[in-house]
């Protein structure tokens, strides 16, 4: 019996050791292995979308381009029938330049004489002739107006004033030539820049009608052909400052224009 108890005791001891080797030595919660902490990088700040109100690229200013006005058509020119009737012939030419009714131009010598008498009657201190004031008044009365007389001190300014008036009204300009002794009609021009779009522009050519053509003047030079395109330098040989003693007026000395005005 002792041997049997001894073997039973040894077996129990061995069983206890086996159970001890299989039993965990920590609690269930402690059995969860702790994972190492991973530090994530900070999120990058979102990029701001381009603003829709960004400053626009400025538009470059307009560049003056070649510009021209030409009222002339074949048959518009009328010669003066006497050496005195330049104002009357200029009135007939001006009418023909703007008349588009097809009713025939003003070319009659009898009518030219009547226009001369009208201009003389409306002129004062004119040495028994017609001066620019009578010229402008007749243009207005016969349905071409309104017209007025202006004196421009600067030659380039006079050309710009004439070109701008032509562009705005579509009517010709009267040029007081030979220091107040003769009448021409400006029937067109060429420029760099539209006078209605640019405050500053350059007149490069002037189209003219000299009713004395083809005779001209021994002192002032030959008459250009009807609707000739003159350079400013060519025109300046005959279009000069009005001589103050030629006829009395309140206008200062300068380059005289019989200028069309906008309809009221």
C-alpha atoms as a PDB file:
ATOM      1  CA  UNK A   1       0.000   0.000   0.000  1.00  0.00           C
ATOM      2  CA  UNK A   2       2.827   2.333   0.775  1.00  0.00           C
ATOM      3  CA  UNK A   3       4.148   1.868  -2.697  1.00  0.00           C
ATOM      4  CA  UNK A   4       0.754   2.505  -4.229  1.00  0.00           C
ATOM      5  CA  UNK A   5       0.305   5.693  -2.210  1.00  0.00           C
ATOM      6  CA  UNK A   6       3.751   6.769  -3.142  1.00  0.00           C
ATOM      7  CA  UNK A   7       3.013   6.343  -6.850  1.00  0.00           C
ATOM      8  CA  UNK A   8      -0.321   8.163  -6.472  1.00  0.00           C
ATOM      9  CA  UNK A   9       1.362  11.038  -4.699  1.00  0.00           C
ATOM     10  CA  UNK A  10       4.027  11.264  -7.389  1.00  0.00           C
ATOM     11  CA  UNK A  11       1.331  11.282 -10.064  1.00  0.00           C
ATOM     12  CA  UNK A  12      -0.576  14.050  -8.318  1.00  0.00           C
ATOM     13  CA  UNK A  13       2.565  16.119  -8.020  1.00  0.00           C
ATOM     14  CA  UNK A  14       3.303  15.680 -11.723  1.00  0.00           C
ATOM     15  CA  UNK A  15      -0.256  16.641 -12.650  1.00  0.00           C
ATOM     16  CA  UNK A  16      -0.064  19.750 -10.539  1.00  0.00           C
ATOM     17  CA  UNK A  17       3.104  20.820 -12.315  1.00  0.00           C
ATOM     18  CA  UNK A  18       1.492  20.301 -15.714  1.00  0.00           C
ATOM     19  CA  UNK A  19      -1.488  22.379 -14.759  1.00  0.00           C
ATOM     20  CA  UNK A  20       0.798  25.095 -13.381  1.00  0.00           C
ATOM     21  CA  UNK A  21       2.662  25.253 -16.712  1.00  0.00           C
ATOM     22  CA  UNK A  22      -0.581  25.708 -18.669  1.00  0.00           C
ATOM     23  CA  UNK A  23      -2.180  28.364 -16.416  1.00  0.00           C
ATOM     24  CA  UNK A  24      -1.509  32.028 -17.403  1.00  0.00           C
ATOM     25  CA  UNK A  25       0.238  34.105 -14.834  1.00  0.00           C
ATOM     26  CA  UNK A  26      -1.596  37.368 -15.689  1.00  0.00           C
ATOM     27  CA  UNK A  27      -5.227  38.424 -16.002  1.00  0.00           C
ATOM     28  CA  UNK A  28      -7.174  38.519 -19.287  1.00  0.00           C
ATOM     29  CA  UNK A  29      -6.953  42.252 -19.613  1.00  0.00           C
ATOM     30  CA  UNK A  30      -3.230  42.161 -19.062  1.00  0.00           C
ATOM     31  CA  UNK A  31      -2.840  39.608 -21.855  1.00  0.00           C
ATOM     32  CA  UNK A  32      -3.566  42.266 -24.566  1.00  0.00           C
ATOM     33  CA  UNK A  33      -0.264  43.321 -25.904  1.00  0.00           C
ATOM     34  CA  UNK A  34       0.039  47.167 -26.038  1.00  0.00           C
ATOM     35  CA  UNK A  35       0.760  48.395 -29.591  1.00  0.00           C
ATOM     36  CA  UNK A  36       3.451  51.016 -29.993  1.00  0.00           C
ATOM     37  CA  UNK A  37       2.118  54.655 -30.560  1.00  0.00           C
ATOM     38  CA  UNK A  38       2.542  55.930 -34.112  1.00  0.00           C
ATOM     39  CA  UNK A  39       2.767  59.697 -34.525  1.00  0.00           C
ATOM     40  CA  UNK A  40       1.018  60.808 -37.761  1.00  0.00           C
ATOM     41  CA  UNK A  41       2.292  63.933 -39.538  1.00  0.00           C
ATOM     42  CA  UNK A  42       0.092  67.021 -39.253  1.00  0.00           C
ATOM     43  CA  UNK A  43      -2.289  67.497 -42.165  1.00  0.00           C
ATOM     44  CA  UNK A  44      -1.012  70.047 -44.676  1.00  0.00           C
ATOM     45  CA  UNK A  45      -2.996  73.295 -44.844  1.00  0.00           C
ATOM     46  CA  UNK A  46      -5.298  73.360 -47.904  1.00  0.00           C
ATOM     47  CA  UNK A  47      -4.086  75.530 -50.804  1.00  0.00           C
ATOM     48  CA  UNK A  48      -6.229  78.629 -51.397  1.00  0.00           C
ATOM     49  CA  UNK A  49      -7.842  78.736 -54.826  1.00  0.00           C
ATOM     50  CA  UNK A  50      -6.898  81.750 -56.997  1.00  0.00           C
ATOM     51  CA  UNK A  51      -9.149  84.696 -56.334  1.00  0.00           C
ATOM     52  CA  UNK A  52     -11.729  85.434 -59.021  1.00  0.00           C
ATOM     53  CA  UNK A  53     -11.316  89.148 -58.240  1.00  0.00           C
ATOM     54  CA  UNK A  54      -7.688  89.357 -59.305  1.00  0.00           C
ATOM     55  CA  UNK A  55      -6.650  92.637 -61.013  1.00  0.00           C
ATOM     56  CA  UNK A  56      -7.461  92.486 -64.765  1.00  0.00           C
ATOM     57  CA  UNK A  57      -4.787  93.207 -67.336  1.00  0.00           C
ATOM     58  CA  UNK A  58      -5.345  96.807 -68.547  1.00  0.00           C
ATOM     59  CA  UNK A  59      -6.524  97.252 -72.129  1.00  0.00           C
ATOM     60  CA  UNK A  60      -3.959  99.168 -74.189  1.00  0.00           C
ATOM     61  CA  UNK A  61      -5.176 102.582 -75.402  1.00  0.00           C
ATOM     62  CA  UNK A  62      -6.371 102.810 -79.019  1.00  0.00           C
ATOM     63  CA  UNK A  63      -3.751 103.740 -81.591  1.00  0.00           C
ATOM     64  CA  UNK A  64      -4.664 106.446 -84.159  1.00  0.00           C
ATOM     65  CA  UNK A  65      -5.160 105.000 -87.626  1.00  0.00           C
ATOM     66  CA  UNK A  66      -5.272 106.661 -91.078  1.00  0.00           C
ATOM     67  CA  UNK A  67      -8.580 108.480 -91.580  1.00  0.00           C
ATOM     68  CA  UNK A  68     -10.063 110.430 -94.492  1.00  0.00           C
ATOM     69  CA  UNK A  69     -13.103 112.489 -95.507  1.00  0.00           C
ATOM     70  CA  UNK A  70     -13.784 113.426 -99.142  1.00  0.00           C
ATOM     71  CA  UNK A  71     -17.069 115.123-100.086  1.00  0.00           C
ATOM     72  CA  UNK A  72     -16.166 115.740-103.711  1.00  0.00           C
ATOM     73  CA  UNK A  73     -17.878 114.191-106.724  1.00  0.00           C
ATOM     74  CA  UNK A  74     -17.333 114.995-110.366  1.00  0.00           C
ATOM     75  CA  UNK A  75     -19.219 118.144-111.294  1.00  0.00           C
ATOM     76  CA  UNK A  76     -19.172 119.753-107.837  1.00  0.00           C
ATOM     77  CA  UNK A  77     -16.599 122.376-108.809  1.00  0.00           C
ATOM     78  CA  UNK A  78     -17.789 125.750-110.095  1.00  0.00           C
ATOM     79  CA  UNK A  79     -15.449 128.482-111.350  1.00  0.00           C
ATOM     80  CA  UNK A  80     -15.981 132.097-110.389  1.00  0.00           C
ATOM     81  CA  UNK A  81     -17.339 133.942-113.416  1.00  0.00           C
ATOM     82  CA  UNK A  82     -15.680 137.242-112.509  1.00  0.00           C
ATOM     83  CA  UNK A  83     -12.523 137.959-110.569  1.00  0.00           C
ATOM     84  CA  UNK A  84     -14.681 139.317-107.724  1.00  0.00           C
ATOM     85  CA  UNK A  85     -17.160 136.487-107.221  1.00  0.00           C
ATOM     86  CA  UNK A  86     -14.999 133.999-105.301  1.00  0.00           C
ATOM     87  CA  UNK A  87     -17.334 133.984-102.266  1.00  0.00           C
ATOM     88  CA  UNK A  88     -20.421 133.352-104.414  1.00  0.00           C
ATOM     89  CA  UNK A  89     -18.695 130.553-106.331  1.00  0.00           C
ATOM     90  CA  UNK A  90     -17.563 129.021-103.024  1.00  0.00           C
ATOM     91  CA  UNK A  91     -21.183 129.011-101.844  1.00  0.00           C
ATOM     92  CA  UNK A  92     -22.209 127.149-105.013  1.00  0.00           C
ATOM     93  CA  UNK A  93     -19.369 124.646-104.549  1.00  0.00           C
ATOM     94  CA  UNK A  94     -20.333 124.063-100.912  1.00  0.00           C
ATOM     95  CA  UNK A  95     -23.930 123.367-101.928  1.00  0.00           C
ATOM     96  CA  UNK A  96     -22.843 120.891-104.586  1.00  0.00           C
ATOM     97  CA  UNK A  97     -20.546 119.043-102.172  1.00  0.00           C
ATOM     98  CA  UNK A  98     -23.385 118.148 -99.820  1.00  0.00           C
ATOM     99  CA  UNK A  99     -26.363 117.977-102.183  1.00  0.00           C
ATOM    100  CA  UNK A 100     -27.300 114.343-102.818  1.00  0.00           C
ATOM    101  CA  UNK A 101     -30.829 114.909-104.100  1.00  0.00           C
ATOM    102  CA  UNK A 102     -29.868 114.433-107.745  1.00  0.00           C
ATOM    103  CA  UNK A 103     -31.627 117.673-108.592  1.00  0.00           C
ATOM    104  CA  UNK A 104     -28.636 119.233-110.318  1.00  0.00           C
ATOM    105  CA  UNK A 105     -25.799 121.328-109.011  1.00  0.00           C
ATOM    106  CA  UNK A 106     -25.559 125.052-108.549  1.00  0.00           C
ATOM    107  CA  UNK A 107     -23.464 126.176-111.525  1.00  0.00           C
ATOM    108  CA  UNK A 108     -25.394 129.006-113.157  1.00  0.00           C
ATOM    109  CA  UNK A 109     -23.610 132.324-113.595  1.00  0.00           C
ATOM    110  CA  UNK A 110     -26.818 134.290-112.975  1.00  0.00           C
ATOM    111  CA  UNK A 111     -27.315 132.519-109.662  1.00  0.00           C
ATOM    112  CA  UNK A 112     -23.672 133.191-108.782  1.00  0.00           C
ATOM    113  CA  UNK A 113     -24.268 136.909-109.302  1.00  0.00           C
ATOM    114  CA  UNK A 114     -27.326 136.797-107.022  1.00  0.00           C
ATOM    115  CA  UNK A 115     -25.361 135.018-104.310  1.00  0.00           C
ATOM    116  CA  UNK A 116     -22.641 137.638-104.623  1.00  0.00           C
ATOM    117  CA  UNK A 117     -25.158 140.431-104.093  1.00  0.00           C
ATOM    118  CA  UNK A 118     -26.578 138.606-101.053  1.00  0.00           C
ATOM    119  CA  UNK A 119     -23.122 138.200 -99.522  1.00  0.00           C
ATOM    120  CA  UNK A 120     -22.214 141.837-100.160  1.00  0.00           C
ATOM    121  CA  UNK A 121     -25.446 143.025 -98.557  1.00  0.00           C
ATOM    122  CA  UNK A 122     -24.609 141.016 -95.414  1.00  0.00           C
ATOM    123  CA  UNK A 123     -21.004 142.171 -95.185  1.00  0.00           C
ATOM    124  CA  UNK A 124     -19.758 145.342 -93.503  1.00  0.00           C
ATOM    125  CA  UNK A 125     -16.454 147.193 -93.875  1.00  0.00           C
ATOM    126  CA  UNK A 126     -15.696 144.927 -96.804  1.00  0.00           C
ATOM    127  CA  UNK A 127     -14.305 147.408 -99.338  1.00  0.00           C
ATOM    128  CA  UNK A 128     -17.545 147.094-101.330  1.00  0.00           C
ATOM    129  CA  UNK A 129     -17.089 143.332-101.554  1.00  0.00           C
ATOM    130  CA  UNK A 130     -18.182 140.280 -99.609  1.00  0.00           C
ATOM    131  CA  UNK A 131     -16.352 139.333 -96.443  1.00  0.00           C
ATOM    132  CA  UNK A 132     -16.391 136.058 -94.437  1.00  0.00           C
ATOM    133  CA  UNK A 133     -19.334 137.191 -92.298  1.00  0.00           C
ATOM    134  CA  UNK A 134     -21.520 137.685 -95.371  1.00  0.00           C
ATOM    135  CA  UNK A 135     -20.253 134.351 -96.705  1.00  0.00           C
ATOM    136  CA  UNK A 136     -21.248 132.517 -93.519  1.00  0.00           C
ATOM    137  CA  UNK A 137     -24.643 134.212 -93.305  1.00  0.00           C
ATOM    138  CA  UNK A 138     -25.602 133.333 -96.873  1.00  0.00           C
ATOM    139  CA  UNK A 139     -24.549 129.705 -96.371  1.00  0.00           C
ATOM    140  CA  UNK A 140     -26.856 129.603 -93.360  1.00  0.00           C
ATOM    141  CA  UNK A 141     -29.783 131.312 -95.106  1.00  0.00           C
ATOM    142  CA  UNK A 142     -29.748 129.095 -98.205  1.00  0.00           C
ATOM    143  CA  UNK A 143     -30.036 125.972 -96.067  1.00  0.00           C
ATOM    144  CA  UNK A 144     -26.384 125.013 -95.677  1.00  0.00           C
ATOM    145  CA  UNK A 145     -25.967 126.239 -92.129  1.00  0.00           C
ATOM    146  CA  UNK A 146     -25.443 127.054 -89.519  1.00  0.00           C
ATOM    147  CA  UNK A 147     -22.023 128.510 -90.279  1.00  0.00           C
ATOM    148  CA  UNK A 148     -19.858 130.868 -88.256  1.00  0.00           C
ATOM    149  CA  UNK A 149     -16.536 132.666 -88.689  1.00  0.00           C
ATOM    150  CA  UNK A 150     -13.659 131.770 -86.375  1.00  0.00           C
ATOM    151  CA  UNK A 151     -10.057 132.928 -86.113  1.00  0.00           C
ATOM    152  CA  UNK A 152      -7.473 130.377 -84.942  1.00  0.00           C
ATOM    153  CA  UNK A 153      -4.066 131.687 -83.895  1.00  0.00           C
ATOM    154  CA  UNK A 154      -2.177 128.430 -84.539  1.00  0.00           C
ATOM    155  CA  UNK A 155      -1.917 126.936 -88.041  1.00  0.00           C
ATOM    156  CA  UNK A 156      -1.999 123.310 -86.878  1.00  0.00           C
ATOM    157  CA  UNK A 157      -4.921 124.140 -84.607  1.00  0.00           C
ATOM    158  CA  UNK A 158      -6.789 125.693 -87.543  1.00  0.00           C
ATOM    159  CA  UNK A 159      -6.387 122.497 -89.590  1.00  0.00           C
ATOM    160  CA  UNK A 160      -7.559 120.363 -86.663  1.00  0.00           C
ATOM    161  CA  UNK A 161     -10.555 122.633 -86.057  1.00  0.00           C
ATOM    162  CA  UNK A 162     -11.564 122.441 -89.732  1.00  0.00           C
ATOM    163  CA  UNK A 163     -11.140 118.659 -89.897  1.00  0.00           C
ATOM    164  CA  UNK A 164     -13.126 118.075 -86.715  1.00  0.00           C
ATOM    165  CA  UNK A 165     -15.985 120.304 -87.912  1.00  0.00           C
ATOM    166  CA  UNK A 166     -16.131 118.472 -91.246  1.00  0.00           C
ATOM    167  CA  UNK A 167     -16.208 115.075 -89.533  1.00  0.00           C
ATOM    168  CA  UNK A 168     -18.934 116.077 -87.088  1.00  0.00           C
ATOM    169  CA  UNK A 169     -21.214 117.858 -89.592  1.00  0.00           C
ATOM    170  CA  UNK A 170     -20.463 116.266 -92.966  1.00  0.00           C
ATOM    171  CA  UNK A 171     -20.210 119.745 -94.510  1.00  0.00           C
ATOM    172  CA  UNK A 172     -17.323 121.660 -96.118  1.00  0.00           C
ATOM    173  CA  UNK A 173     -15.251 124.427 -94.529  1.00  0.00           C
ATOM    174  CA  UNK A 174     -14.539 127.822 -96.020  1.00  0.00           C
ATOM    175  CA  UNK A 175     -10.877 128.870 -96.037  1.00  0.00           C
ATOM    176  CA  UNK A 176     -10.135 132.609 -96.053  1.00  0.00           C
ATOM    177  CA  UNK A 177      -7.018 132.755 -98.250  1.00  0.00           C
ATOM    178  CA  UNK A 178      -4.372 135.298 -99.215  1.00  0.00           C
ATOM    179  CA  UNK A 179      -4.509 137.152 -95.899  1.00  0.00           C
ATOM    180  CA  UNK A 180      -8.234 137.842 -96.298  1.00  0.00           C
ATOM    181  CA  UNK A 181      -8.393 138.498-100.056  1.00  0.00           C
ATOM    182  CA  UNK A 182      -9.719 135.214-101.511  1.00  0.00           C
ATOM    183  CA  UNK A 183     -12.056 132.287-100.795  1.00  0.00           C
ATOM    184  CA  UNK A 184     -11.389 128.549-101.112  1.00  0.00           C
ATOM    185  CA  UNK A 185     -13.465 125.572-100.027  1.00  0.00           C
ATOM    186  CA  UNK A 186     -12.035 122.668 -98.026  1.00  0.00           C
ATOM    187  CA  UNK A 187     -13.747 119.598 -99.472  1.00  0.00           C
ATOM    188  CA  UNK A 188     -11.915 116.879 -97.546  1.00  0.00           C
ATOM    189  CA  UNK A 189      -8.826 115.904 -95.611  1.00  0.00           C
ATOM    190  CA  UNK A 190      -6.606 113.034 -94.562  1.00  0.00           C
ATOM    191  CA  UNK A 191      -5.317 112.525 -91.041  1.00  0.00           C
ATOM    192  CA  UNK A 192      -3.773 110.082 -88.631  1.00  0.00           C
ATOM    193  CA  UNK A 193      -6.609 109.585 -86.166  1.00  0.00           C
ATOM    194  CA  UNK A 194     -10.370 110.082 -86.340  1.00  0.00           C
ATOM    195  CA  UNK A 195     -11.073 113.653 -85.098  1.00  0.00           C
ATOM    196  CA  UNK A 196     -14.198 112.432 -83.285  1.00  0.00           C
ATOM    197  CA  UNK A 197     -12.225 109.813 -81.305  1.00  0.00           C
ATOM    198  CA  UNK A 198      -8.935 111.547 -80.579  1.00  0.00           C
ATOM    199  CA  UNK A 199      -8.400 114.918 -78.967  1.00  0.00           C
ATOM    200  CA  UNK A 200      -4.989 115.079 -80.613  1.00  0.00           C
ATOM    201  CA  UNK A 201      -4.545 113.947 -84.219  1.00  0.00           C
ATOM    202  CA  UNK A 202      -2.434 115.104 -87.148  1.00  0.00           C
ATOM    203  CA  UNK A 203      -3.841 116.439 -90.424  1.00  0.00           C
ATOM    204  CA  UNK A 204      -1.620 115.156 -93.234  1.00  0.00           C
ATOM    205  CA  UNK A 205      -3.533 116.352 -96.302  1.00  0.00           C
ATOM    206  CA  UNK A 206      -6.189 118.933 -97.214  1.00  0.00           C
ATOM    207  CA  UNK A 207      -8.507 118.701-100.243  1.00  0.00           C
ATOM    208  CA  UNK A 208      -9.325 122.103-101.684  1.00  0.00           C
ATOM    209  CA  UNK A 209     -11.437 123.879-104.321  1.00  0.00           C
ATOM    210  CA  UNK A 210     -10.101 127.192-105.622  1.00  0.00           C
ATOM    211  CA  UNK A 211     -12.862 128.838-107.717  1.00  0.00           C
ATOM    212  CA  UNK A 212     -10.200 130.894-109.510  1.00  0.00           C
ATOM    213  CA  UNK A 213      -8.791 127.729-111.130  1.00  0.00           C
ATOM    214  CA  UNK A 214      -7.030 127.586-113.546  1.00  0.00           C
ATOM    215  CA  UNK A 215      -5.851 131.198-113.347  1.00  0.00           C
ATOM    216  CA  UNK A 216      -4.093 131.433-109.984  1.00  0.00           C
ATOM    217  CA  UNK A 217      -2.204 134.461-108.739  1.00  0.00           C
ATOM    218  CA  UNK A 218       1.128 135.939-109.687  1.00  0.00           C
ATOM    219  CA  UNK A 219       1.723 136.825-106.037  1.00  0.00           C
ATOM    220  CA  UNK A 220       0.320 133.787-104.250  1.00  0.00           C
ATOM    221  CA  UNK A 221       0.898 131.015-106.733  1.00  0.00           C
ATOM    222  CA  UNK A 222      -1.071 128.754-109.070  1.00  0.00           C
ATOM    223  CA  UNK A 223      -4.553 127.448-108.376  1.00  0.00           C
ATOM    224  CA  UNK A 224      -4.601 123.718-107.560  1.00  0.00           C
ATOM    225  CA  UNK A 225      -6.852 121.487-109.600  1.00  0.00           C
ATOM    226  CA  UNK A 226     -10.319 120.864-108.091  1.00  0.00           C
ATOM    227  CA  UNK A 227     -10.165 118.545-105.087  1.00  0.00           C
ATOM    228  CA  UNK A 228      -6.354 118.476-105.075  1.00  0.00           C
ATOM    229  CA  UNK A 229      -4.850 116.934-101.945  1.00  0.00           C
ATOM    230  CA  UNK A 230      -2.310 119.420-100.591  1.00  0.00           C
ATOM    231  CA  UNK A 231       0.151 118.841 -97.817  1.00  0.00           C
ATOM    232  CA  UNK A 232      -0.063 121.258 -94.881  1.00  0.00           C
ATOM    233  CA  UNK A 233       3.167 122.835 -96.129  1.00  0.00           C
ATOM    234  CA  UNK A 234       1.707 123.398 -99.608  1.00  0.00           C
ATOM    235  CA  UNK A 235      -1.508 124.903 -98.247  1.00  0.00           C
ATOM    236  CA  UNK A 236       0.476 127.207 -95.960  1.00  0.00           C
ATOM    237  CA  UNK A 237       1.898 129.098 -98.940  1.00  0.00           C
ATOM    238  CA  UNK A 238      -1.561 130.584 -99.616  1.00  0.00           C
ATOM    239  CA  UNK A 239      -3.516 130.000 -96.396  1.00  0.00           C
ATOM    240  CA  UNK A 240      -1.941 132.599 -94.128  1.00  0.00           C
ATOM    241  CA  UNK A 241      -2.908 134.795 -91.182  1.00  0.00           C
ATOM    242  CA  UNK A 242      -5.573 137.329 -92.077  1.00  0.00           C
ATOM    243  CA  UNK A 243      -4.242 140.838 -92.337  1.00  0.00           C
ATOM    244  CA  UNK A 244      -6.074 142.894 -89.687  1.00  0.00           C
ATOM    245  CA  UNK A 245      -6.260 146.017 -91.891  1.00  0.00           C
ATOM    246  CA  UNK A 246      -7.988 144.148 -94.710  1.00  0.00           C
ATOM    247  CA  UNK A 247     -11.425 144.496 -93.115  1.00  0.00           C
ATOM    248  CA  UNK A 248     -12.539 145.461 -89.659  1.00  0.00           C
ATOM    249  CA  UNK A 249     -13.907 142.957 -87.173  1.00  0.00           C
ATOM    250  CA  UNK A 250     -13.674 142.028 -83.529  1.00  0.00           C
ATOM    251  CA  UNK A 251     -11.840 138.826 -84.405  1.00  0.00           C
ATOM    252  CA  UNK A 252      -8.167 138.636 -83.452  1.00  0.00           C
ATOM    253  CA  UNK A 253      -5.604 138.095 -86.184  1.00  0.00           C
ATOM    254  CA  UNK A 254      -5.304 134.449 -87.137  1.00  0.00           C
ATOM    255  CA  UNK A 255      -6.234 131.816 -89.676  1.00  0.00           C
ATOM    256  CA  UNK A 256      -9.853 132.456 -90.642  1.00  0.00           C
ATOM    257  CA  UNK A 257     -12.360 129.636 -91.181  1.00  0.00           C
ATOM    258  CA  UNK A 258     -15.984 129.777 -92.278  1.00  0.00           C
ATOM    259  CA  UNK A 259     -16.907 126.867 -90.069  1.00  0.00           C
ATOM    260  CA  UNK A 260     -19.971 124.579 -90.164  1.00  0.00           C
ATOM    261  CA  UNK A 261     -21.656 123.988 -86.823  1.00  0.00           C
ATOM    262  CA  UNK A 262     -23.821 121.149 -85.594  1.00  0.00           C
ATOM    263  CA  UNK A 263     -27.522 121.589 -86.233  1.00  0.00           C
ATOM    264  CA  UNK A 264     -29.327 122.956 -83.191  1.00  0.00           C
END
